[in-house]
């Protein structure tokens, strides 16, 4: 079963491990794989051009010479070997999950998990907070989108990939983790001690705002989870039955989720058959995702809010609404996570999240590491946040007024 998952990271646990080696080799010139016993499916999917004997040679040396041979866990060694292969790709969003971690990942993308509630990713090999989730311990502690995480407890993050970092940050409810944070404009790091909790990811916030007698529907979409399309549909019906005269769609701090959900929500604004996003598979093939043509919100004047915490599915939706409908984007440059992951359930309860494509907006703009530039640049400082001011939302409402 495959699902297109494009979240910037990432609230997953990955069993950290190095590349573990093979099995029993033997003492003569026969290919080492011929000497292995008790291993199943040795030939399945084996490429003709690959000499795999080095793997088994290494396994043999471990079996014969490792000081703690009696404690070898062969299944864990196989998982570690696959993990090492995946890490060699150099892609922070491709990951292998053994059974326990696979189950946790499935729970995460349904919207509930233990941790601090912060989406993290990589930018120029630096671990970055993409977005603290609404109502989470990370949000309450004061973490902001764009914060650099330099240490997790006593562990420097310079050599960690995203999944290894997540593995260190996550933990059981009630336990604590300390993050050394460097923020733009700071000359030194600051430690944030955060108590982990059960994180229930909210889907959206909705209200009708009265701006000088004009009614504006405000929808803040927190994440593109499995249920987000259904929840958005409910709010569409409320908008249609209200006296709203415009819409503000707030995608700030939204780190992404399912591609299918982004296409579904775009379909409420975009004509049927028009391109929402295309996937470039890097081999000359492209897969185009078009609007389903619900279109019931197409006549409402709309403004979309974005910031550096808007990533992947958020960028797909924002890019499509601007390219197809001319909707203005207000705020700050988005994160720039323009790749698509596919989740493949494998045997034995394991799974593989693999980057399969880069995506392009309808105009052909690649988001990867570039992000979306807003049509109207409006910043929001920490002082604004502390004082309860929101100049970005104010600008959007002013445009609709």
Protein backbone atom coordinates (compact mmCIF):
# COMPACT_ATOMS: atom_id res chain seq x y z
CA UNK A 1 0.00 0.00 0.00
CA UNK A 2 1.41 3.37 -1.01
CA UNK A 3 0.44 6.80 0.31
CA UNK A 4 2.02 10.00 -0.90
CA UNK A 5 3.37 11.71 2.21
CA UNK A 6 5.17 15.03 1.88
CA UNK A 7 5.55 16.30 5.42
CA UNK A 8 8.70 18.11 6.04
CA UNK A 9 9.69 15.54 8.50
CA UNK A 10 9.23 13.99 10.29
CA UNK A 11 7.59 13.31 13.47
CA UNK A 12 8.92 9.83 13.36
CA UNK A 13 11.32 7.60 15.24
CA UNK A 14 14.06 5.88 13.34
CA UNK A 15 16.18 3.18 14.87
CA UNK A 16 19.66 4.64 14.70
CA UNK A 17 22.28 2.21 13.49
CA UNK A 18 25.39 1.86 11.43
CA UNK A 19 25.78 -0.36 8.40
CA UNK A 20 26.04 -3.88 9.80
CA UNK A 21 27.57 -6.59 7.66
CA UNK A 22 26.80 -10.13 6.35
CA UNK A 23 26.88 -13.79 7.44
CA UNK A 24 29.07 -16.94 7.36
CA UNK A 25 31.61 -16.96 4.51
CA UNK A 26 33.55 -20.20 4.69
CA UNK A 27 37.16 -21.01 3.99
CA UNK A 28 37.28 -21.71 0.24
CA UNK A 29 36.68 -19.88 -3.02
CA UNK A 30 32.96 -20.61 -3.33
CA UNK A 31 30.78 -17.43 -3.34
CA UNK A 32 30.14 -16.55 0.28
CA UNK A 33 26.35 -16.44 -0.13
CA UNK A 34 26.44 -20.18 -0.94
CA UNK A 35 27.74 -20.95 2.57
CA UNK A 36 24.98 -19.08 4.40
CA UNK A 37 22.42 -21.24 6.15
CA UNK A 38 19.18 -20.27 7.83
CA UNK A 39 18.72 -17.13 5.72
CA UNK A 40 15.60 -16.86 3.57
CA UNK A 41 14.91 -15.02 0.30
CA UNK A 42 18.60 -14.51 -0.49
CA UNK A 43 17.99 -14.12 -4.22
CA UNK A 44 14.80 -12.00 -4.17
CA UNK A 45 15.30 -8.82 -6.16
CA UNK A 46 19.08 -9.27 -6.43
CA UNK A 47 20.52 -7.09 -9.24
CA UNK A 48 22.57 -9.04 -11.80
CA UNK A 49 25.40 -6.50 -11.82
CA UNK A 50 26.04 -6.27 -8.08
CA UNK A 51 28.68 -8.39 -6.33
CA UNK A 52 27.26 -8.83 -2.84
CA UNK A 53 30.10 -10.96 -1.52
CA UNK A 54 31.62 -8.03 0.40
CA UNK A 55 28.47 -7.88 2.51
CA UNK A 56 28.75 -11.54 3.45
CA UNK A 57 32.52 -11.29 3.98
CA UNK A 58 31.88 -8.54 6.52
CA UNK A 59 29.14 -10.56 8.19
CA UNK A 60 31.55 -13.49 8.50
CA UNK A 61 34.19 -11.38 10.22
CA UNK A 62 31.62 -10.15 12.73
CA UNK A 63 30.39 -13.68 13.42
CA UNK A 64 33.90 -15.02 13.87
CA UNK A 65 35.64 -12.17 15.67
CA UNK A 66 33.19 -9.80 17.35
CA UNK A 67 33.94 -9.83 21.07
CA UNK A 68 30.29 -10.26 22.10
CA UNK A 69 29.26 -12.85 19.51
CA UNK A 70 26.72 -14.54 21.78
CA UNK A 71 24.65 -11.36 21.85
CA UNK A 72 24.40 -10.89 18.08
CA UNK A 73 20.85 -10.13 16.94
CA UNK A 74 20.68 -11.20 13.29
CA UNK A 75 17.36 -9.54 12.59
CA UNK A 76 18.60 -6.26 14.03
CA UNK A 77 21.72 -6.58 11.86
CA UNK A 78 19.56 -6.94 8.75
CA UNK A 79 17.53 -3.86 9.72
CA UNK A 80 20.77 -1.98 10.34
CA UNK A 81 22.10 -2.99 6.92
CA UNK A 82 18.97 -1.65 5.22
CA UNK A 83 19.18 1.50 7.31
CA UNK A 84 22.78 2.00 6.21
CA UNK A 85 21.83 1.56 2.57
CA UNK A 86 19.08 4.18 2.93
CA UNK A 87 21.39 6.65 4.67
CA UNK A 88 23.94 6.32 1.87
CA UNK A 89 21.44 8.10 -0.42
CA UNK A 90 22.07 11.37 1.43
CA UNK A 91 18.36 12.27 1.46
CA UNK A 92 17.09 13.37 4.91
CA UNK A 93 13.50 12.43 4.01
CA UNK A 94 14.08 8.82 2.94
CA UNK A 95 13.96 6.45 5.92
CA UNK A 96 13.57 2.76 6.78
CA UNK A 97 11.39 1.85 9.77
CA UNK A 98 11.68 -1.46 11.64
CA UNK A 99 8.35 -2.78 13.01
CA UNK A 100 8.14 -0.71 16.21
CA UNK A 101 9.18 2.51 14.49
CA UNK A 102 6.89 1.76 11.54
CA UNK A 103 3.92 1.47 13.88
CA UNK A 104 4.86 4.74 15.60
CA UNK A 105 5.16 6.53 12.27
CA UNK A 106 1.69 5.34 11.26
CA UNK A 107 0.33 6.67 14.55
CA UNK A 108 2.14 9.99 14.08
CA UNK A 109 0.59 10.76 10.71
CA UNK A 110 -2.86 10.01 12.12
CA UNK A 111 -2.27 12.91 14.50
CA UNK A 112 -1.33 11.58 17.97
CA UNK A 113 2.07 10.80 19.52
CA UNK A 114 4.34 11.47 22.50
CA UNK A 115 6.97 14.18 22.23
CA UNK A 116 7.40 17.97 22.27
CA UNK A 117 5.26 18.72 19.22
CA UNK A 118 7.76 20.36 16.87
CA UNK A 119 8.26 19.57 13.21
CA UNK A 120 11.95 19.61 12.30
CA UNK A 121 13.90 19.43 9.07
CA UNK A 122 17.25 20.17 7.46
CA UNK A 123 18.31 23.37 5.77
CA UNK A 124 21.90 23.53 4.47
CA UNK A 125 22.82 20.61 6.78
CA UNK A 126 21.56 22.45 9.87
CA UNK A 127 18.75 21.03 11.99
CA UNK A 128 15.87 23.52 11.88
CA UNK A 129 12.54 23.90 13.66
CA UNK A 130 10.05 24.02 10.80
CA UNK A 131 7.12 24.66 13.07
CA UNK A 132 6.07 24.13 16.70
CA UNK A 133 2.58 22.59 16.62
CA UNK A 134 -0.31 24.54 18.04
CA UNK A 135 -0.81 23.95 21.78
CA UNK A 136 2.30 21.76 22.04
CA UNK A 137 5.03 21.84 24.72
CA UNK A 138 7.41 23.22 22.07
CA UNK A 139 5.03 26.09 21.32
CA UNK A 140 4.49 26.84 25.01
CA UNK A 141 8.25 26.79 25.64
CA UNK A 142 8.74 29.51 23.03
CA UNK A 143 10.32 27.67 20.08
CA UNK A 144 9.85 29.46 16.76
CA UNK A 145 9.94 28.46 13.11
CA UNK A 146 13.50 28.87 11.86
CA UNK A 147 15.21 28.13 15.19
CA UNK A 148 18.44 26.16 14.76
CA UNK A 149 18.85 23.13 17.06
CA UNK A 150 22.57 22.79 17.79
CA UNK A 151 22.39 20.29 20.66
CA UNK A 152 19.87 17.78 22.00
CA UNK A 153 20.70 17.26 25.65
CA UNK A 154 24.47 16.65 25.45
CA UNK A 155 24.47 15.47 21.82
CA UNK A 156 25.63 17.86 19.08
CA UNK A 157 23.38 17.75 16.01
CA UNK A 158 26.05 18.50 13.40
CA UNK A 159 26.36 14.87 12.28
CA UNK A 160 22.74 13.79 12.82
CA UNK A 161 20.13 13.29 10.14
CA UNK A 162 16.51 14.28 10.74
CA UNK A 163 15.34 10.89 11.93
CA UNK A 164 18.23 10.44 14.37
CA UNK A 165 17.46 13.86 15.82
CA UNK A 166 13.77 13.02 16.15
CA UNK A 167 14.71 9.79 17.92
CA UNK A 168 16.58 11.83 20.54
CA UNK A 169 13.92 14.51 20.92
CA UNK A 170 10.96 12.20 21.25
CA UNK A 171 10.21 10.32 24.44
CA UNK A 172 7.58 9.35 26.95
CA UNK A 173 5.14 11.79 28.46
CA UNK A 174 6.54 13.54 31.54
CA UNK A 175 10.23 13.18 30.61
CA UNK A 176 12.34 16.19 29.67
CA UNK A 177 14.67 17.10 26.83
CA UNK A 178 16.96 20.14 26.61
CA UNK A 179 17.52 21.81 23.24
CA UNK A 180 20.32 24.31 22.60
CA UNK A 181 18.71 26.86 20.27
CA UNK A 182 20.32 29.51 18.09
CA UNK A 183 17.93 32.11 16.67
CA UNK A 184 18.48 34.74 14.01
CA UNK A 185 19.94 37.85 15.65
CA UNK A 186 21.34 35.94 18.64
CA UNK A 187 25.09 35.80 19.28
CA UNK A 188 24.87 32.68 21.47
CA UNK A 189 22.62 29.69 22.06
CA UNK A 190 19.90 29.44 24.68
CA UNK A 191 18.84 26.21 26.38
CA UNK A 192 15.15 25.26 26.30
CA UNK A 193 14.14 22.55 28.75
CA UNK A 194 10.89 21.03 27.50
CA UNK A 195 8.67 18.42 29.16
CA UNK A 196 7.32 15.87 26.70
CA UNK A 197 3.59 15.18 26.52
CA UNK A 198 0.98 13.40 24.42
CA UNK A 199 0.65 15.48 21.27
CA UNK A 200 -2.74 15.63 19.63
CA UNK A 201 -2.30 17.53 16.41
CA UNK A 202 -5.18 19.97 15.80
CA UNK A 203 -6.47 20.12 12.23
CA UNK A 204 -7.86 23.60 11.78
CA UNK A 205 -9.30 26.71 13.40
CA UNK A 206 -12.30 28.54 11.95
CA UNK A 207 -14.11 31.76 12.73
CA UNK A 208 -15.97 34.60 11.04
CA UNK A 209 -14.28 37.97 11.56
CA UNK A 210 -16.17 41.26 11.33
CA UNK A 211 -13.93 43.86 9.70
CA UNK A 212 -15.72 47.18 9.45
CA UNK A 213 -19.04 45.48 8.83
CA UNK A 214 -17.59 43.05 6.29
CA UNK A 215 -17.62 39.35 7.22
CA UNK A 216 -14.41 37.44 6.52
CA UNK A 217 -14.09 33.67 6.99
CA UNK A 218 -10.76 32.85 8.66
CA UNK A 219 -9.44 29.28 8.35
CA UNK A 220 -6.13 28.32 9.90
CA UNK A 221 -5.04 24.89 8.68
CA UNK A 222 -2.49 23.37 11.06
CA UNK A 223 -1.49 20.21 9.18
CA UNK A 224 -2.53 18.05 6.22
CA UNK A 225 -3.42 14.93 8.21
CA UNK A 226 -5.66 12.12 6.96
CA UNK A 227 -8.77 13.81 8.35
CA UNK A 228 -7.95 17.35 7.20
CA UNK A 229 -9.89 17.14 3.92
CA UNK A 230 -13.07 16.04 5.71
CA UNK A 231 -12.74 18.77 8.33
CA UNK A 232 -12.12 21.40 5.67
CA UNK A 233 -15.22 20.24 3.79
CA UNK A 234 -17.32 20.81 6.91
CA UNK A 235 -16.04 24.39 7.14
CA UNK A 236 -16.74 24.95 3.44
CA UNK A 237 -20.39 24.16 4.11
CA UNK A 238 -20.40 26.60 7.03
CA UNK A 239 -18.90 29.32 4.84
CA UNK A 240 -21.49 28.71 2.13
CA UNK A 241 -24.27 28.99 4.69
CA UNK A 242 -22.82 32.15 6.25
CA UNK A 243 -22.70 35.76 5.13
CA UNK A 244 -18.93 35.64 4.58
CA UNK A 245 -17.68 37.91 1.80
CA UNK A 246 -14.06 36.81 1.70
CA UNK A 247 -11.62 34.17 2.99
CA UNK A 248 -8.25 34.25 4.73
CA UNK A 249 -6.54 30.85 4.45
CA UNK A 250 -3.77 30.73 7.05
CA UNK A 251 -1.01 28.20 6.25
CA UNK A 252 1.61 29.69 8.57
CA UNK A 253 3.46 27.07 10.57
CA UNK A 254 1.82 24.26 8.60
CA UNK A 255 4.55 21.68 7.87
CA UNK A 256 2.60 19.60 5.37
CA UNK A 257 1.21 16.08 5.26
CA UNK A 258 -0.60 14.13 2.55
CA UNK A 259 -0.39 15.23 -1.07
CA UNK A 260 -3.93 13.96 -1.73
CA UNK A 261 -5.28 16.27 0.98
CA UNK A 262 -3.59 19.33 -0.58
CA UNK A 263 -5.13 18.50 -3.96
CA UNK A 264 -8.55 17.96 -2.39
CA UNK A 265 -8.53 21.32 -0.59
CA UNK A 266 -7.24 23.14 -3.69
CA UNK A 267 -10.21 21.70 -5.58
CA UNK A 268 -12.61 23.91 -3.61
CA UNK A 269 -10.99 26.93 -5.29
CA UNK A 270 -9.68 25.68 -8.65
CA UNK A 271 -11.60 24.74 -11.83
CA UNK A 272 -11.89 21.03 -12.52
CA UNK A 273 -9.07 19.61 -14.63
CA UNK A 274 -6.66 22.48 -13.93
CA UNK A 275 -3.21 21.51 -12.71
CA UNK A 276 -2.62 21.69 -8.95
CA UNK A 277 0.87 20.20 -8.83
CA UNK A 278 3.11 17.99 -10.94
CA UNK A 279 5.62 15.43 -9.73
CA UNK A 280 8.95 15.24 -11.54
CA UNK A 281 10.41 11.75 -11.07
CA UNK A 282 13.82 12.70 -12.42
CA UNK A 283 13.66 10.20 -15.30
CA UNK A 284 11.70 12.28 -17.79
CA UNK A 285 8.37 11.19 -16.39
CA UNK A 286 5.91 13.52 -14.69
CA UNK A 287 2.69 12.85 -12.86
CA UNK A 288 0.13 15.65 -12.96
CA UNK A 289 -2.43 16.11 -10.19
CA UNK A 290 -5.47 18.12 -11.27
CA UNK A 291 -8.37 19.72 -9.44
CA UNK A 292 -11.49 17.68 -8.77
CA UNK A 293 -13.46 20.83 -9.53
CA UNK A 294 -15.53 21.30 -6.37
CA UNK A 295 -14.93 25.04 -7.00
CA UNK A 296 -17.52 26.35 -4.53
CA UNK A 297 -15.05 28.81 -2.99
CA UNK A 298 -13.71 30.11 -6.30
CA UNK A 299 -15.83 33.28 -6.25
CA UNK A 300 -14.75 34.38 -2.76
CA UNK A 301 -11.95 36.98 -2.64
CA UNK A 302 -9.16 35.09 -0.87
CA UNK A 303 -5.75 35.82 0.65
CA UNK A 304 -3.29 33.11 1.75
CA UNK A 305 -0.87 33.60 4.67
CA UNK A 306 2.53 31.84 4.58
CA UNK A 307 5.77 31.97 6.57
CA UNK A 308 8.99 30.00 6.93
CA UNK A 309 7.06 27.29 8.77
CA UNK A 310 4.85 26.65 5.71
CA UNK A 311 6.23 23.57 4.00
CA UNK A 312 5.50 20.82 1.46
CA UNK A 313 1.71 20.37 1.17
CA UNK A 314 1.24 23.98 2.35
CA UNK A 315 3.49 25.17 -0.46
CA UNK A 316 1.64 22.99 -2.98
CA UNK A 317 -1.70 24.50 -1.96
CA UNK A 318 -0.43 28.08 -1.81
CA UNK A 319 1.42 27.75 -5.12
CA UNK A 320 -1.62 26.30 -6.88
CA UNK A 321 -3.99 28.99 -5.62
CA UNK A 322 -1.62 31.73 -6.76
CA UNK A 323 -0.79 30.19 -10.16
CA UNK A 324 -4.33 29.05 -11.03
CA UNK A 325 -6.51 31.73 -9.40
CA UNK A 326 -4.20 34.70 -8.93
CA UNK A 327 -4.67 34.59 -5.15
CA UNK A 328 -2.16 36.76 -3.30
CA UNK A 329 0.31 35.31 -0.78
CA UNK A 330 1.07 37.47 2.26
CA UNK A 331 3.75 36.98 4.92
CA UNK A 332 7.26 35.55 4.65
CA UNK A 333 9.10 33.17 2.32
CA UNK A 334 8.04 29.55 2.82
CA UNK A 335 10.36 26.71 3.91
CA UNK A 336 11.10 25.12 0.53
CA UNK A 337 10.40 21.42 1.00
CA UNK A 338 9.59 20.39 -2.56
CA UNK A 339 9.90 16.63 -2.56
CA UNK A 340 7.36 13.83 -2.34
CA UNK A 341 7.72 10.77 -0.14
CA UNK A 342 5.93 7.50 -0.73
CA UNK A 343 5.26 5.19 2.21
CA UNK A 344 5.67 1.53 1.28
CA UNK A 345 4.61 -1.13 3.78
CA UNK A 346 7.12 -3.97 3.65
CA UNK A 347 7.20 -7.49 5.05
CA UNK A 348 7.42 -8.20 8.76
CA UNK A 349 5.72 -4.96 9.80
CA UNK A 350 8.53 -2.77 8.42
CA UNK A 351 8.07 0.18 6.09
CA UNK A 352 10.08 2.47 3.85
CA UNK A 353 9.47 6.18 3.37
CA UNK A 354 11.27 7.05 0.16
CA UNK A 355 11.60 10.28 -1.81
CA UNK A 356 10.16 9.51 -5.23
CA UNK A 357 9.81 12.92 -6.87
CA UNK A 358 10.23 16.67 -6.72
CA UNK A 359 7.15 18.75 -7.23
CA UNK A 360 6.44 21.76 -9.37
CA UNK A 361 3.69 24.37 -9.09
CA UNK A 362 1.33 24.79 -12.08
CA UNK A 363 3.63 27.48 -13.52
CA UNK A 364 6.59 25.05 -13.37
CA UNK A 365 8.27 26.61 -10.33
CA UNK A 366 10.31 24.12 -8.28
CA UNK A 367 9.89 24.66 -4.55
CA UNK A 368 12.84 22.51 -3.44
CA UNK A 369 15.10 24.68 -1.25
CA UNK A 370 13.68 27.82 -2.92
CA UNK A 371 10.29 28.13 -1.28
CA UNK A 372 7.55 30.55 -2.29
CA UNK A 373 8.15 34.27 -2.15
CA UNK A 374 5.05 36.12 -0.90
CA UNK A 375 3.45 38.72 -3.14
CA UNK A 376 3.35 41.06 -0.15
CA UNK A 377 6.18 40.71 2.36
CA UNK A 378 5.08 41.25 5.95
CA UNK A 379 7.14 40.12 8.93
CA UNK A 380 6.06 39.18 12.43
CA UNK A 381 8.54 39.64 15.27
CA UNK A 382 8.71 37.94 18.63
CA UNK A 383 7.66 41.26 20.14
CA UNK A 384 4.53 41.14 17.97
CA UNK A 385 3.78 37.62 19.17
CA UNK A 386 4.34 38.52 22.83
CA UNK A 387 2.07 41.56 22.50
CA UNK A 388 -0.65 39.62 20.69
CA UNK A 389 -0.14 41.56 17.45
CA UNK A 390 -0.47 39.91 14.05
CA UNK A 391 0.54 42.33 11.28
CA UNK A 392 0.40 39.56 8.66
CA UNK A 393 -3.24 38.74 9.39
CA UNK A 394 -4.02 42.45 9.68
CA UNK A 395 -2.63 43.00 6.16
CA UNK A 396 -4.68 40.12 4.74
CA UNK A 397 -7.87 41.44 6.31
CA UNK A 398 -7.09 44.94 5.09
CA UNK A 399 -6.72 43.66 1.52
CA UNK A 400 -10.11 41.93 1.70
CA UNK A 401 -11.77 44.92 3.36
